[in-house]
Amino acid sequence: MTVDTATQDAHWMGLALEQARQAAAAGEVPVGAVVVKDGQIIATGRNAPIASHDPTAHAEVVALREAARVLGNYRLDGCTLYVTLEPCAMCSGAMLHARVDRVVFGAADPRTGVAGSVLNLFGHTQLNHQTQVTGGVLAGECGQLLKDFFRPKRVNVDPVREDALRTPDAAFAELPDYPWQPHYVNDLPSIAGLRMHYLDEGDTHAPLTWLCLHGNPTWSYLYRKMIPVWLAAGHRVVVPDLIGFGKSDKPKKDSFHQFEIHRQSLLDLIERLDLQRVVLVVQDWGGILGLTLPMAAPERYKGLLAMNTTLATGEQPLSDGFLAWRDWCQSQPLFDVGKLFKRGNPGMSPQETAAYNAPFPDKGFRASLRAFPPMVPEFADSPGAAISRQAQAFWRDAWQGQSLMAIGQQDPVLGEPVMRQLQSRILGCPEPMLLPDAGHFVQEQGRAIAQAAVRHFKP
């Protein structure tokens, strides 16, 4: 290699590094690529499989696609591809198929690299095209970028699973009215390796423990107006974030989210914390899942506070309001969570609406928001329907604790008609507390509900 060629390679690799840095800023593994022909860049690419939900969206493939579009030909004769990491088998095959003249890479990849590390796909003379390979260009800088990206995960006492994301702590800085310290557990049997966040405030020997379960698209921040009331009464409050929400880890794939996985993770947490004298507080999915929990260990529970929720048994058609919500979610996958809350609670501050968006910095973190609406059991054989029917029988025939309902009457999805039906199926449930100005997220008017609950539930 001539000095001039080495200088040019370093120059183009520097531009590929810029693409890699952009990938890192987006939460993707920092690999970048550029395609050069006749001394000019004709295409760039950076890793984007998470954001695009595309396993083929490696930096090289993204760059090859753009180069082919620019040239109007899938054959890339006369082109050189620069990439910051030794290409994998998929990308190498694409380069050979495109008949790229030359590939130049930065850091070697001893695990998946096929330009000399694991094997040398480019060295097979039987192939009908031969691509020249140069490795090690700016290898130190390219490798350091990868090390810097992965170091926080490797030194963390709770490392992030490869199939999950973790919202940075900085996203949750200075949240209004949310002063409580986080607690984490990462070895629950049902979700081993995924880290679940929960709040745990008050004395473990308190006369009552309020177990507060949120729904979609919310997180433990939803209970910020109710927690202080119960703590002032001398009680304990535990508020988990479901996996995929809040400060809990977020699986990358929509398919992770299954009714039984989420139900079992809550049962695992309750057992791990050995919660006793529990008042179960549920709303939205907090009830769809949470109302199936007490029958597994009735002795742990003393009360139920239900707000705008349901048991989805698959025996009756889902309401028109819910079907409209489900369709809207499918048509608006990047909807603004904070704006949704603001619509039903116009008095919310910009800081509060931002807090509801905090767990979801980009669409790669939003698998749970996409997956939960279609997860509601719709038919008798839908996942979760059978266990929900068992729970319905438990609440109707075997429940021995106290109950209280609070209904936000402006809720078009799980409002008073749905809640009245649920009330009729809970043994001994008294007349509900009605909130004529509250919508679906009734906890935004939660202080009055929490005060009423303190008066209602006797230790």
Protein backbone atom coordinates (compact mmCIF):
# COMPACT_ATOMS: atom_id res chain seq x y z
CA MET A 1 0.00 0.00 0.00
CA THR A 2 1.38 3.39 -0.95
CA VAL A 3 1.62 6.26 1.51
CA ASP A 4 -0.98 8.10 -0.57
CA THR A 5 -3.38 5.15 -0.40
CA ALA A 6 -2.87 4.85 3.37
CA THR A 7 -3.60 8.55 3.80
CA GLN A 8 -6.74 8.33 1.71
CA ASP A 9 -7.92 5.24 3.60
CA ALA A 10 -7.48 7.02 6.94
CA HIS A 11 -9.43 10.01 5.62
CA TRP A 12 -12.40 7.94 4.46
CA MET A 13 -12.33 5.82 7.60
CA GLY A 14 -12.53 9.01 9.64
CA LEU A 15 -15.80 9.79 7.88
CA ALA A 16 -17.05 6.27 8.57
CA LEU A 17 -16.23 6.89 12.24
CA GLU A 18 -18.52 9.92 12.18
CA GLN A 19 -21.34 7.63 11.06
CA ALA A 20 -20.48 5.22 13.87
CA ARG A 21 -20.68 8.04 16.44
CA GLN A 22 -24.13 8.94 15.14
CA ALA A 23 -25.18 5.32 15.58
CA ALA A 24 -23.96 5.37 19.18
CA ALA A 25 -25.90 8.57 19.87
CA ALA A 26 -29.04 6.79 18.67
CA GLY A 27 -28.43 3.82 20.98
CA GLU A 28 -27.21 1.51 18.22
CA VAL A 29 -23.93 -0.43 18.25
CA PRO A 30 -21.47 2.14 16.86
CA VAL A 31 -20.56 0.92 13.40
CA GLY A 32 -20.41 3.26 10.42
CA ALA A 33 -19.68 2.91 6.72
CA VAL A 34 -19.10 4.99 3.60
CA VAL A 35 -18.94 4.01 -0.08
CA VAL A 36 -16.40 5.85 -2.24
CA LYS A 37 -16.09 5.93 -6.03
CA ASP A 38 -13.71 8.01 -8.11
CA GLY A 39 -12.54 9.90 -5.04
CA GLN A 40 -16.02 10.91 -3.86
CA ILE A 41 -18.44 9.60 -1.24
CA ILE A 42 -21.59 8.36 -2.92
CA ALA A 43 -23.25 6.79 0.13
CA THR A 44 -23.07 6.57 3.92
CA GLY A 45 -24.58 4.15 6.42
CA ARG A 46 -24.71 3.47 10.14
CA ASN A 47 -26.07 0.65 12.23
CA ALA A 48 -29.86 0.86 12.62
CA PRO A 49 -31.32 -2.62 13.29
CA ILE A 50 -32.94 -1.56 16.59
CA ALA A 51 -34.62 1.60 15.33
CA SER A 52 -35.71 0.06 12.02
CA HIS A 53 -36.63 -3.38 13.43
CA ASP A 54 -34.53 -4.79 10.59
CA PRO A 55 -31.85 -7.44 11.28
CA THR A 56 -30.21 -6.60 7.95
CA ALA A 57 -29.77 -2.89 8.73
CA HIS A 58 -26.03 -3.11 9.41
CA ALA A 59 -23.99 -0.08 8.45
CA GLU A 60 -22.54 -1.79 5.37
CA VAL A 61 -25.92 -2.91 4.02
CA VAL A 62 -27.43 0.54 4.59
CA ALA A 63 -24.53 2.09 2.68
CA LEU A 64 -24.70 -0.48 -0.14
CA ARG A 65 -28.42 0.15 -0.63
CA GLU A 66 -27.87 3.89 -0.86
CA ALA A 67 -24.92 3.49 -3.26
CA ALA A 68 -26.98 1.25 -5.55
CA ARG A 69 -29.80 3.80 -5.52
CA VAL A 70 -27.42 6.64 -6.38
CA LEU A 71 -25.75 4.71 -9.21
CA GLY A 72 -28.96 3.17 -10.46
CA ASN A 73 -27.34 -0.26 -10.46
CA TYR A 74 -27.01 -3.00 -7.85
CA ARG A 75 -23.56 -3.74 -9.25
CA LEU A 76 -21.05 -1.43 -7.55
CA ASP A 77 -18.04 -1.88 -9.78
CA GLY A 78 -15.23 0.55 -9.04
CA CYS A 79 -16.45 1.22 -5.48
CA THR A 80 -14.61 0.93 -2.17
CA LEU A 81 -16.56 0.38 1.05
CA TYR A 82 -15.04 1.65 4.31
CA VAL A 83 -16.47 0.26 7.55
CA THR A 84 -15.32 0.72 11.15
CA LEU A 85 -15.72 -2.95 12.14
CA GLU A 86 -14.74 -6.11 10.28
CA PRO A 87 -17.85 -7.17 8.31
CA CYS A 88 -19.98 -10.18 9.23
CA ALA A 89 -21.00 -12.97 6.86
CA MET A 90 -24.22 -11.22 5.80
CA CYS A 91 -22.50 -7.96 4.92
CA SER A 92 -19.56 -9.67 3.26
CA GLY A 93 -21.92 -11.68 1.09
CA ALA A 94 -23.72 -8.50 0.08
CA MET A 95 -20.42 -6.84 -0.85
CA LEU A 96 -19.40 -9.80 -3.00
CA HIS A 97 -22.81 -9.91 -4.66
CA ALA A 98 -22.55 -6.17 -5.40
CA ARG A 99 -19.06 -6.73 -6.81
CA VAL A 100 -17.46 -4.06 -4.68
CA ASP A 101 -13.83 -3.65 -5.76
CA ARG A 102 -12.39 -3.20 -2.29
CA VAL A 103 -13.43 -3.27 1.38
CA VAL A 104 -11.45 -1.46 4.07
CA PHE A 105 -12.29 -2.09 7.73
CA GLY A 106 -11.09 -0.67 11.02
CA ALA A 107 -11.30 -2.90 14.12
CA ALA A 108 -11.18 -6.67 13.81
CA ASP A 109 -14.16 -8.66 15.11
CA PRO A 110 -12.93 -11.92 16.65
CA ARG A 111 -16.48 -13.20 17.21
CA THR A 112 -18.29 -12.64 13.89
CA GLY A 113 -15.77 -11.12 11.47
CA VAL A 114 -15.37 -13.02 8.19
CA ALA A 115 -12.64 -10.91 6.57
CA GLY A 116 -9.92 -12.87 8.34
CA SER A 117 -10.92 -13.29 12.01
CA VAL A 118 -13.40 -16.20 12.20
CA LEU A 119 -12.88 -17.03 8.52
CA ASN A 120 -12.04 -15.18 5.32
CA LEU A 121 -15.02 -15.23 3.02
CA PHE A 122 -13.20 -12.93 0.63
CA GLY A 123 -10.38 -15.44 0.22
CA HIS A 124 -12.41 -18.10 -1.60
CA THR A 125 -11.15 -18.13 -5.18
CA GLN A 126 -14.07 -20.35 -6.19
CA LEU A 127 -16.37 -17.33 -5.99
CA ASN A 128 -17.02 -15.52 -9.26
CA HIS A 129 -15.89 -12.16 -7.88
CA GLN A 130 -12.82 -11.24 -5.89
CA THR A 131 -12.95 -8.25 -3.54
CA GLN A 132 -9.70 -6.88 -2.14
CA VAL A 133 -9.55 -6.48 1.64
CA THR A 134 -7.54 -4.09 3.82
CA GLY A 135 -7.93 -4.27 7.58
CA GLY A 136 -6.71 -2.33 10.61
CA VAL A 137 -7.22 1.22 9.31
CA LEU A 138 -7.71 3.48 12.36
CA ALA A 139 -8.28 0.25 14.26
CA GLY A 140 -7.54 1.87 17.64
CA GLU A 141 -10.11 4.63 17.23
CA CYS A 142 -12.73 2.26 15.82
CA GLY A 143 -12.19 -0.26 18.61
CA GLN A 144 -12.21 2.39 21.34
CA LEU A 145 -15.59 3.67 20.19
CA LEU A 146 -17.02 0.17 20.61
CA LYS A 147 -15.38 -0.25 24.03
CA ASP A 148 -16.73 3.09 25.23
CA PHE A 149 -20.21 2.11 24.08
CA PHE A 150 -20.27 -1.24 25.84
CA ARG A 151 -18.31 -0.30 28.98
CA PRO A 152 -21.31 1.10 30.96
CA LYS A 153 -23.17 -2.14 30.42
CA ARG A 154 -20.23 -4.32 31.40
CA VAL A 155 -19.31 -2.49 34.60
CA ASN A 156 -22.94 -2.19 35.72
CA VAL A 157 -23.75 -4.61 38.54
CA ASP A 158 -26.97 -5.29 36.62
CA PRO A 159 -25.78 -5.71 33.01
CA VAL A 160 -28.29 -5.18 30.23
CA ARG A 161 -29.37 -8.30 28.40
CA GLU A 162 -28.44 -8.27 24.72
CA ASP A 163 -32.11 -8.40 23.72
CA ALA A 164 -33.08 -5.38 25.85
CA LEU A 165 -32.48 -1.67 26.29
CA ARG A 166 -32.20 0.41 29.45
CA THR A 167 -33.28 4.04 29.57
CA PRO A 168 -30.35 6.14 30.82
CA ASP A 169 -30.67 7.44 34.39
CA ALA A 170 -30.25 10.98 33.08
CA ALA A 171 -33.67 10.74 31.45
CA PHE A 172 -35.23 10.60 34.93
CA ALA A 173 -33.33 13.49 36.49
CA GLU A 174 -35.31 16.08 38.45
CA LEU A 175 -38.76 14.64 37.86
CA PRO A 176 -41.40 16.77 39.60
CA ASP A 177 -42.98 15.22 42.72
CA TYR A 178 -41.02 11.97 42.35
CA PRO A 179 -38.33 12.05 45.06
CA TRP A 180 -38.16 8.34 45.89
CA GLN A 181 -35.08 6.16 45.53
CA PRO A 182 -35.14 3.36 42.95
CA HIS A 183 -34.96 -0.33 43.84
CA TYR A 184 -34.03 -3.03 41.36
CA VAL A 185 -34.14 -6.80 41.04
CA ASN A 186 -32.65 -8.64 38.06
CA ASP A 187 -32.97 -12.33 38.90
CA LEU A 188 -36.71 -12.99 39.00
CA PRO A 189 -37.18 -16.50 37.55
CA SER A 190 -39.72 -15.46 34.91
CA ILE A 191 -37.55 -12.68 33.46
CA ALA A 192 -34.05 -13.75 34.52
CA GLY A 193 -31.50 -11.15 33.52
CA LEU A 194 -34.02 -8.39 32.90
CA ARG A 195 -33.93 -5.68 35.55
CA MET A 196 -37.24 -4.67 37.12
CA HIS A 197 -37.54 -1.35 38.92
CA TYR A 198 -39.82 -0.72 41.87
CA LEU A 199 -40.40 1.88 44.54
CA ASP A 200 -40.50 0.61 48.12
CA GLU A 201 -41.28 3.24 50.72
CA GLY A 202 -42.30 2.94 54.36
CA ASP A 203 -41.79 0.35 57.08
CA THR A 204 -41.82 -3.30 55.99
CA HIS A 205 -43.82 -4.05 59.16
CA ALA A 206 -46.44 -1.39 58.44
CA PRO A 207 -50.09 -2.35 59.05
CA LEU A 208 -50.87 -2.10 55.31
CA THR A 209 -48.81 -2.38 52.15
CA TRP A 210 -50.24 -0.65 49.09
CA LEU A 211 -49.14 -2.54 45.97
CA CYS A 212 -49.77 -0.16 43.06
CA LEU A 213 -49.83 -1.51 39.51
CA HIS A 214 -49.77 0.79 36.48
CA GLY A 215 -50.94 0.20 32.93
CA ASN A 216 -50.01 1.18 29.39
CA PRO A 217 -48.36 3.58 28.48
CA THR A 218 -47.56 4.68 32.04
CA TRP A 219 -45.14 3.84 34.83
CA SER A 220 -44.72 4.30 38.58
CA TYR A 221 -44.73 8.09 38.14
CA LEU A 222 -48.51 7.74 37.77
CA TYR A 223 -48.88 7.17 41.54
CA ARG A 224 -46.90 10.20 42.68
CA LYS A 225 -50.01 11.96 44.08
CA MET A 226 -51.20 8.94 46.07
CA ILE A 227 -47.96 7.64 47.57
CA PRO A 228 -47.47 10.56 50.04
CA VAL A 229 -50.97 10.07 51.48
CA TRP A 230 -50.34 6.44 52.32
CA LEU A 231 -46.87 7.13 53.70
CA ALA A 232 -48.31 9.86 55.94
CA ALA A 233 -50.74 7.27 57.30
CA GLY A 234 -47.79 5.12 58.38
CA HIS A 235 -48.17 2.54 55.64
CA ARG A 236 -45.78 0.89 53.15
CA VAL A 237 -46.05 1.52 49.40
CA VAL A 238 -44.59 -0.70 46.67
CA VAL A 239 -44.88 0.43 43.04
CA PRO A 240 -43.19 -1.70 40.34
CA ASP A 241 -42.58 -0.70 36.75
CA LEU A 242 -43.68 -3.48 34.43
CA ILE A 243 -40.94 -4.79 32.18
CA GLY A 244 -40.85 -2.49 29.16
CA PHE A 245 -41.95 0.56 31.13
CA GLY A 246 -40.47 3.24 33.38
CA LYS A 247 -37.05 2.44 34.80
CA SER A 248 -37.37 -1.29 34.11
CA ASP A 249 -35.49 -2.88 31.21
CA LYS A 250 -37.16 -2.76 27.81
CA PRO A 251 -37.01 -5.83 25.55
CA LYS A 252 -36.33 -4.85 21.97
CA LYS A 253 -38.86 -7.24 20.44
CA ASP A 254 -42.62 -6.75 20.58
CA SER A 255 -42.97 -10.54 20.74
CA PHE A 256 -41.42 -10.66 24.23
CA HIS A 257 -44.56 -9.17 25.71
CA GLN A 258 -46.92 -11.97 26.68
CA PHE A 259 -49.71 -11.96 29.26
CA GLU A 260 -48.29 -14.83 31.29
CA ILE A 261 -44.73 -13.44 31.37
CA HIS A 262 -45.92 -10.15 32.85
CA ARG A 263 -48.28 -11.85 35.28
CA GLN A 264 -45.61 -14.24 36.49
CA SER A 265 -43.02 -11.48 36.88
CA LEU A 266 -45.41 -9.70 39.28
CA LEU A 267 -46.03 -12.91 41.22
CA ASP A 268 -42.27 -13.43 41.42
CA LEU A 269 -41.74 -9.89 42.76
CA ILE A 270 -44.49 -10.26 45.37
CA GLU A 271 -42.93 -13.49 46.58
CA ARG A 272 -39.40 -12.06 46.52
CA LEU A 273 -40.47 -9.10 48.68
CA ASP A 274 -42.75 -11.36 50.74
CA LEU A 275 -45.49 -8.75 50.68
CA GLN A 276 -48.11 -9.14 53.42
CA ARG A 277 -51.24 -7.21 54.44
CA VAL A 278 -51.53 -5.99 50.85
CA VAL A 279 -54.08 -3.59 49.45
CA LEU A 280 -53.91 -4.22 45.71
CA VAL A 281 -54.23 -0.95 43.76
CA VAL A 282 -54.97 -1.39 40.06
CA GLN A 283 -55.84 0.62 36.98
CA ASP A 284 -55.81 -0.14 33.23
CA TRP A 285 -53.41 -3.08 32.58
CA GLY A 286 -52.59 -2.96 36.27
CA GLY A 287 -56.02 -4.53 36.72
CA ILE A 288 -56.07 -6.75 33.65
CA LEU A 289 -52.95 -8.41 35.08
CA GLY A 290 -53.29 -7.54 38.76
CA LEU A 291 -56.79 -8.88 39.29
CA THR A 292 -55.44 -12.34 38.45
CA LEU A 293 -52.82 -12.23 41.24
CA PRO A 294 -54.58 -12.61 44.63
CA MET A 295 -56.04 -16.04 43.94
CA ALA A 296 -52.46 -17.38 43.80
CA ALA A 297 -51.91 -16.43 47.49
CA PRO A 298 -55.13 -15.01 49.03
CA GLU A 299 -53.56 -14.84 52.48
CA ARG A 300 -51.30 -11.98 51.38
CA TYR A 301 -54.18 -9.62 50.53
CA LYS A 302 -56.46 -7.52 52.71
CA GLY A 303 -57.98 -5.14 50.20
CA LEU A 304 -58.59 -4.08 46.60
CA LEU A 305 -58.69 -0.54 45.23
CA ALA A 306 -59.77 -0.68 41.58
CA MET A 307 -59.76 2.31 39.23
CA ASN A 308 -60.84 2.28 35.57
CA THR A 309 -59.87 -1.26 34.69
CA THR A 310 -61.43 -4.61 33.80
CA LEU A 311 -61.00 -8.36 33.74
CA ALA A 312 -60.58 -9.45 30.10
CA THR A 313 -62.09 -12.94 30.08
CA GLY A 314 -62.81 -13.22 26.35
CA GLU A 315 -66.47 -13.95 27.07
CA GLN A 316 -67.81 -10.61 25.84
CA PRO A 317 -66.75 -8.40 22.94
CA LEU A 318 -64.23 -5.70 23.78
CA SER A 319 -65.82 -2.27 24.08
CA ASP A 320 -66.01 0.08 21.12
CA GLY A 321 -63.89 2.53 23.10
CA PHE A 322 -61.11 0.01 23.57
CA LEU A 323 -61.20 -1.12 19.94
CA ALA A 324 -60.89 2.52 18.87
CA TRP A 325 -57.90 2.95 21.24
CA ARG A 326 -56.25 -0.19 19.88
CA ASP A 327 -56.71 0.94 16.29
CA TRP A 328 -55.36 4.40 17.13
CA CYS A 329 -52.23 2.91 18.73
CA GLN A 330 -51.57 0.85 15.62
CA SER A 331 -51.94 3.91 13.40
CA GLN A 332 -49.87 6.16 15.69
CA PRO A 333 -46.92 4.02 16.86
CA LEU A 334 -44.87 7.09 17.84
CA PHE A 335 -47.63 8.90 19.71
CA ASP A 336 -46.57 11.46 22.32
CA VAL A 337 -47.29 9.86 25.72
CA GLY A 338 -47.11 13.15 27.60
CA LYS A 339 -49.46 14.83 25.12
CA LEU A 340 -51.94 11.99 25.66
CA PHE A 341 -51.93 12.71 29.40
CA LYS A 342 -52.19 16.44 28.85
CA ARG A 343 -55.32 15.98 26.77
CA GLY A 344 -57.19 14.45 29.70
CA ASN A 345 -55.46 16.56 32.35
CA PRO A 346 -55.04 20.09 30.96
CA GLY A 347 -53.59 21.37 34.23
CA MET A 348 -50.46 19.24 33.93
CA SER A 349 -47.17 21.14 33.70
CA PRO A 350 -44.69 20.66 30.82
CA GLN A 351 -42.34 18.97 33.31
CA GLU A 352 -45.03 16.44 34.23
CA THR A 353 -45.86 15.60 30.63
CA ALA A 354 -42.13 15.23 29.92
CA ALA A 355 -41.89 12.77 32.82
CA TYR A 356 -44.36 10.46 31.11
CA ASN A 357 -42.22 10.53 27.96
CA ALA A 358 -38.96 9.98 29.86
CA PRO A 359 -38.82 6.16 29.67
CA PHE A 360 -39.14 6.14 25.88
CA PRO A 361 -36.34 8.25 24.30
CA ASP A 362 -36.90 6.74 20.84
CA LYS A 363 -38.97 4.09 19.10
CA GLY A 364 -36.51 1.34 19.96
CA PHE A 365 -37.67 1.64 23.59
CA ARG A 366 -41.38 1.42 22.72
CA ALA A 367 -41.97 -2.30 22.11
CA SER A 368 -44.28 -2.52 25.14
CA LEU A 369 -46.38 0.42 23.92
CA ARG A 370 -46.90 -1.35 20.61
CA ALA A 371 -47.47 -4.80 22.08
CA PHE A 372 -49.87 -4.16 24.96
CA PRO A 373 -53.06 -3.03 23.12
CA PRO A 374 -53.26 -6.23 20.97
CA MET A 375 -52.40 -8.30 24.08
CA VAL A 376 -55.76 -7.67 25.78
CA PRO A 377 -57.57 -11.07 25.69
CA GLU A 378 -60.29 -10.71 23.07
CA PHE A 379 -61.55 -14.28 22.62
CA ALA A 380 -62.14 -17.23 24.93
CA ASP A 381 -58.94 -18.91 23.78
CA SER A 382 -56.77 -15.76 23.78
CA PRO A 383 -53.66 -15.90 26.01
CA GLY A 384 -54.68 -14.71 29.46
CA ALA A 385 -58.42 -15.30 28.99
CA ALA A 386 -58.59 -18.59 30.89
CA ILE A 387 -56.67 -17.30 33.93
CA SER A 388 -58.87 -14.19 33.87
CA ARG A 389 -61.99 -16.36 34.02
CA GLN A 390 -60.51 -18.16 37.02
CA ALA A 391 -59.89 -14.79 38.63
CA GLN A 392 -63.45 -13.72 37.92
CA ALA A 393 -64.73 -16.75 39.81
CA PHE A 394 -62.35 -15.96 42.69
CA TRP A 395 -63.58 -12.37 43.06
CA ARG A 396 -67.20 -13.43 42.79
CA ASP A 397 -67.13 -16.43 45.12
CA ALA A 398 -63.98 -16.51 47.27
CA TRP A 399 -62.74 -12.96 47.91
CA GLN A 400 -62.78 -12.19 51.64
CA GLY A 401 -61.09 -8.80 51.79
CA GLN A 402 -62.37 -5.25 51.61
CA SER A 403 -62.93 -3.50 48.28
CA LEU A 404 -63.21 0.05 47.01
CA MET A 405 -63.73 1.46 43.52
CA ALA A 406 -62.97 4.90 42.12
CA ILE A 407 -64.25 5.72 38.63
CA GLY A 408 -63.10 8.50 36.34
CA GLN A 409 -66.36 9.17 34.54
CA GLN A 410 -64.77 10.88 31.54
CA ASP A 411 -62.98 7.68 30.49
CA PRO A 412 -64.29 6.54 27.05
CA VAL A 413 -62.51 3.18 27.28
CA LEU A 414 -62.80 1.79 30.82
CA GLY A 415 -65.32 4.19 32.29
CA GLU A 416 -68.40 3.74 34.44
CA PRO A 417 -70.28 1.09 32.37
CA VAL A 418 -67.27 -1.22 32.38
CA MET A 419 -66.52 -0.56 36.04
CA ARG A 420 -70.12 -1.15 37.12
CA GLN A 421 -69.94 -4.54 35.47
CA LEU A 422 -66.71 -5.31 37.32
CA GLN A 423 -68.25 -4.14 40.60
CA SER A 424 -71.08 -6.64 40.20
CA ARG A 425 -68.51 -9.43 40.03
CA ILE A 426 -66.57 -8.58 43.19
CA LEU A 427 -68.01 -10.01 46.37
CA GLY A 428 -69.00 -7.28 48.80
CA CYS A 429 -67.84 -4.36 46.66
CA PRO A 430 -69.63 -1.18 47.84
CA GLU A 431 -70.93 1.75 45.80
CA PRO A 432 -68.01 3.28 43.82
CA MET A 433 -66.45 6.66 44.40
CA LEU A 434 -67.32 8.72 41.31
CA LEU A 435 -65.03 11.41 39.90
CA PRO A 436 -67.04 13.30 37.28
CA ASP A 437 -64.06 15.30 35.95
CA ALA A 438 -61.49 12.50 35.87
CA GLY A 439 -60.60 10.56 32.75
CA HIS A 440 -58.87 7.25 32.18
CA PHE A 441 -55.72 8.12 34.14
CA VAL A 442 -57.70 8.75 37.30
CA GLN A 443 -54.55 8.76 39.45
CA GLU A 444 -53.95 12.32 38.28
CA GLN A 445 -56.75 13.13 40.76
CA GLY A 446 -55.41 10.49 43.10
CA ARG A 447 -54.92 12.44 46.32
CA ALA A 448 -58.65 12.43 47.12
CA ILE A 449 -58.89 8.75 46.23
CA ALA A 450 -55.92 7.85 48.44
CA GLN A 451 -57.44 9.79 51.37
CA ALA A 452 -60.75 7.99 50.94
CA ALA A 453 -58.91 4.68 50.78
CA VAL A 454 -57.11 5.37 54.07
CA ARG A 455 -60.48 5.92 55.70
CA HIS A 456 -62.00 2.86 54.06
CA PHE A 457 -59.36 0.18 54.62
CA LYS A 458 -58.84 -0.68 58.26
CA PRO A 459 -55.63 -2.50 59.24
